[in-house]
Amino acid sequence: MLERARDRGEVGPAVDVPMAASLVPSLMLQRALMTGQPAGLAYAQQIVGGVLLPVLGHPARSLLDTTKDTP
């Protein structure tokens, strides 16, 4: 997906695509294993909005869906 985004010009040529692609699963696994905290959809959205987007050269933003109740 990131390579296609690069082909469309949405990701700059300086972005290390394999490293960027590993961020979300790596941080989710670290959270689950090291802290025991949940690493579900809300956490994935935090990673994408706050970490991955800036790595890809885009502004950080919240991707959390505040219209749904979280258990």
N, C-alpha and C. Protein backbone atom coordinates (compact mmCIF):
# COMPACT_ATOMS: atom_id res chain seq x y z
N MET A 1 0.82 -1.17 0.00
CA MET A 1 0.00 0.00 0.00
C MET A 1 0.88 1.25 0.00
N LEU A 2 1.92 1.26 0.83
CA LEU A 2 2.80 2.43 0.88
C LEU A 2 3.58 2.60 -0.42
N GLU A 3 3.96 1.52 -1.05
CA GLU A 3 4.67 1.62 -2.33
C GLU A 3 3.75 2.20 -3.40
N ARG A 4 2.48 1.81 -3.39
CA ARG A 4 1.53 2.39 -4.35
C ARG A 4 1.33 3.88 -4.06
N ALA A 5 1.30 4.24 -2.76
CA ALA A 5 1.18 5.65 -2.39
C ALA A 5 2.38 6.43 -2.89
N ARG A 6 3.55 5.82 -2.81
CA ARG A 6 4.76 6.47 -3.33
C ARG A 6 4.63 6.67 -4.84
N ASP A 7 4.14 5.64 -5.54
CA ASP A 7 3.97 5.74 -7.00
C ASP A 7 3.02 6.87 -7.38
N ARG A 8 2.03 7.15 -6.52
CA ARG A 8 1.07 8.22 -6.77
C ARG A 8 1.59 9.58 -6.31
N GLY A 9 2.76 9.61 -5.69
CA GLY A 9 3.31 10.86 -5.20
C GLY A 9 2.81 11.28 -3.83
N GLU A 10 2.12 10.39 -3.13
CA GLU A 10 1.58 10.70 -1.80
C GLU A 10 2.60 10.47 -0.69
N VAL A 11 3.66 9.74 -1.01
CA VAL A 11 4.76 9.47 -0.08
C VAL A 11 6.04 9.85 -0.80
N GLY A 12 6.87 10.63 -0.12
CA GLY A 12 8.10 11.10 -0.74
C GLY A 12 9.11 10.00 -0.99
N PRO A 13 10.03 10.22 -1.90
CA PRO A 13 11.04 9.21 -2.23
C PRO A 13 12.03 8.93 -1.11
N ALA A 14 12.15 9.83 -0.13
CA ALA A 14 13.09 9.64 0.96
C ALA A 14 12.54 8.72 2.06
N VAL A 15 11.25 8.39 2.00
CA VAL A 15 10.63 7.56 3.04
C VAL A 15 11.11 6.12 2.90
N ASP A 16 11.56 5.55 4.01
CA ASP A 16 11.95 4.15 4.06
C ASP A 16 10.66 3.34 4.22
N VAL A 17 10.11 2.86 3.11
CA VAL A 17 8.81 2.19 3.11
C VAL A 17 8.79 0.94 3.98
N PRO A 18 9.77 0.04 3.92
CA PRO A 18 9.72 -1.13 4.80
C PRO A 18 9.72 -0.76 6.29
N MET A 19 10.51 0.25 6.65
CA MET A 19 10.52 0.68 8.05
C MET A 19 9.17 1.28 8.43
N ALA A 20 8.63 2.12 7.58
CA ALA A 20 7.35 2.75 7.87
C ALA A 20 6.25 1.70 7.99
N ALA A 21 6.28 0.69 7.14
CA ALA A 21 5.27 -0.36 7.18
C ALA A 21 5.35 -1.19 8.45
N SER A 22 6.51 -1.25 9.07
CA SER A 22 6.66 -2.05 10.29
C SER A 22 6.25 -1.30 11.56
N LEU A 23 6.01 0.00 11.47
CA LEU A 23 5.73 0.79 12.67
C LEU A 23 4.48 0.34 13.41
N VAL A 24 3.36 0.24 12.73
CA VAL A 24 2.10 -0.08 13.40
C VAL A 24 2.15 -1.45 14.07
N PRO A 25 2.49 -2.53 13.35
CA PRO A 25 2.52 -3.82 14.03
C PRO A 25 3.58 -3.90 15.13
N SER A 26 4.72 -3.25 14.93
CA SER A 26 5.78 -3.28 15.94
C SER A 26 5.34 -2.58 17.23
N LEU A 27 4.75 -1.40 17.09
CA LEU A 27 4.32 -0.67 18.28
C LEU A 27 3.14 -1.36 18.97
N MET A 28 2.27 -1.99 18.20
CA MET A 28 1.15 -2.72 18.81
C MET A 28 1.66 -3.94 19.59
N LEU A 29 2.59 -4.66 19.00
CA LEU A 29 3.16 -5.83 19.68
C LEU A 29 3.91 -5.40 20.93
N GLN A 30 4.69 -4.33 20.84
CA GLN A 30 5.42 -3.83 22.00
C GLN A 30 4.46 -3.48 23.13
N ARG A 31 3.37 -2.81 22.81
CA ARG A 31 2.40 -2.41 23.84
C ARG A 31 1.81 -3.64 24.52
N ALA A 32 1.39 -4.61 23.73
CA ALA A 32 0.76 -5.81 24.29
C ALA A 32 1.75 -6.61 25.15
N LEU A 33 2.96 -6.80 24.65
CA LEU A 33 3.93 -7.64 25.36
C LEU A 33 4.59 -6.95 26.54
N MET A 34 4.91 -5.67 26.38
CA MET A 34 5.67 -4.99 27.42
C MET A 34 4.80 -4.35 28.50
N THR A 35 3.61 -3.91 28.13
CA THR A 35 2.78 -3.22 29.12
C THR A 35 1.53 -4.00 29.52
N GLY A 36 1.15 -4.96 28.69
CA GLY A 36 -0.07 -5.71 28.97
C GLY A 36 -1.34 -4.93 28.65
N GLN A 37 -1.17 -3.73 28.11
CA GLN A 37 -2.33 -2.91 27.76
C GLN A 37 -2.90 -3.37 26.42
N PRO A 38 -4.18 -3.10 26.19
CA PRO A 38 -4.78 -3.49 24.92
C PRO A 38 -4.15 -2.78 23.74
N ALA A 39 -4.04 -3.47 22.64
CA ALA A 39 -3.47 -2.90 21.42
C ALA A 39 -4.47 -3.10 20.29
N GLY A 40 -5.65 -2.57 20.46
CA GLY A 40 -6.72 -2.74 19.50
C GLY A 40 -6.80 -1.61 18.49
N LEU A 41 -7.97 -1.46 17.92
CA LEU A 41 -8.19 -0.49 16.86
C LEU A 41 -7.87 0.94 17.30
N ALA A 42 -8.31 1.33 18.48
CA ALA A 42 -8.06 2.70 18.95
C ALA A 42 -6.56 2.99 19.03
N TYR A 43 -5.79 2.04 19.53
CA TYR A 43 -4.34 2.25 19.62
C TYR A 43 -3.72 2.30 18.23
N ALA A 44 -4.17 1.44 17.32
CA ALA A 44 -3.67 1.46 15.95
C ALA A 44 -3.95 2.81 15.30
N GLN A 45 -5.13 3.37 15.56
CA GLN A 45 -5.46 4.68 15.01
C GLN A 45 -4.56 5.77 15.58
N GLN A 46 -4.22 5.66 16.86
CA GLN A 46 -3.29 6.62 17.47
C GLN A 46 -1.92 6.54 16.81
N ILE A 47 -1.46 5.33 16.55
CA ILE A 47 -0.15 5.15 15.92
C ILE A 47 -0.15 5.74 14.51
N VAL A 48 -1.17 5.40 13.75
CA VAL A 48 -1.23 5.89 12.37
C VAL A 48 -1.31 7.41 12.35
N GLY A 49 -2.19 7.98 13.16
CA GLY A 49 -2.37 9.43 13.15
C GLY A 49 -1.21 10.21 13.73
N GLY A 50 -0.59 9.67 14.78
CA GLY A 50 0.44 10.40 15.49
C GLY A 50 1.87 10.05 15.14
N VAL A 51 2.08 8.88 14.55
CA VAL A 51 3.44 8.43 14.24
C VAL A 51 3.63 8.19 12.74
N LEU A 52 2.79 7.34 12.17
CA LEU A 52 2.99 6.96 10.76
C LEU A 52 2.79 8.14 9.80
N LEU A 53 1.72 8.89 9.97
CA LEU A 53 1.51 10.02 9.06
C LEU A 53 2.69 10.99 9.06
N PRO A 54 3.20 11.41 10.23
CA PRO A 54 4.38 12.29 10.20
C PRO A 54 5.61 11.64 9.55
N VAL A 55 5.81 10.35 9.76
CA VAL A 55 6.94 9.67 9.12
C VAL A 55 6.80 9.73 7.60
N LEU A 56 5.55 9.68 7.14
CA LEU A 56 5.29 9.72 5.70
C LEU A 56 5.28 11.14 5.14
N GLY A 57 5.51 12.14 6.01
CA GLY A 57 5.58 13.52 5.56
C GLY A 57 4.26 14.26 5.59
N HIS A 58 3.30 13.74 6.34
CA HIS A 58 1.99 14.37 6.47
C HIS A 58 1.82 14.87 7.90
N PRO A 59 0.95 15.85 8.12
CA PRO A 59 0.72 16.33 9.49
C PRO A 59 0.07 15.26 10.35
N ALA A 60 0.43 15.26 11.62
CA ALA A 60 -0.23 14.36 12.57
C ALA A 60 -1.69 14.78 12.71
N ARG A 61 -2.55 13.80 12.92
CA ARG A 61 -3.96 14.11 13.14
C ARG A 61 -4.61 12.95 13.87
N SER A 62 -5.71 13.24 14.52
CA SER A 62 -6.44 12.22 15.24
C SER A 62 -7.29 11.42 14.26
N LEU A 63 -7.20 10.12 14.35
CA LEU A 63 -8.03 9.24 13.53
C LEU A 63 -9.05 8.50 14.38
N LEU A 64 -9.10 8.83 15.66
CA LEU A 64 -10.02 8.15 16.57
C LEU A 64 -11.46 8.48 16.19
N ASP A 65 -12.29 7.46 16.18
CA ASP A 65 -13.71 7.63 15.91
C ASP A 65 -14.40 7.91 17.23
N THR A 66 -14.71 9.16 17.48
CA THR A 66 -15.32 9.54 18.75
C THR A 66 -16.84 9.36 18.75
N THR A 67 -17.40 8.86 17.66
CA THR A 67 -18.84 8.65 17.60
C THR A 67 -19.24 7.30 18.17
N LYS A 68 -18.27 6.42 18.40
CA LYS A 68 -18.56 5.09 18.93
C LYS A 68 -18.14 5.02 20.39
N ASP A 69 -18.88 4.26 21.15
CA ASP A 69 -18.49 3.99 22.53
C ASP A 69 -17.45 2.90 22.53
N THR A 70 -16.43 3.05 23.35
CA THR A 70 -15.42 2.02 23.49
C THR A 70 -15.65 1.27 24.78
N PRO A 71 -15.59 -0.05 24.73
CA PRO A 71 -15.82 -0.83 25.95
C PRO A 71 -14.71 -0.67 26.96
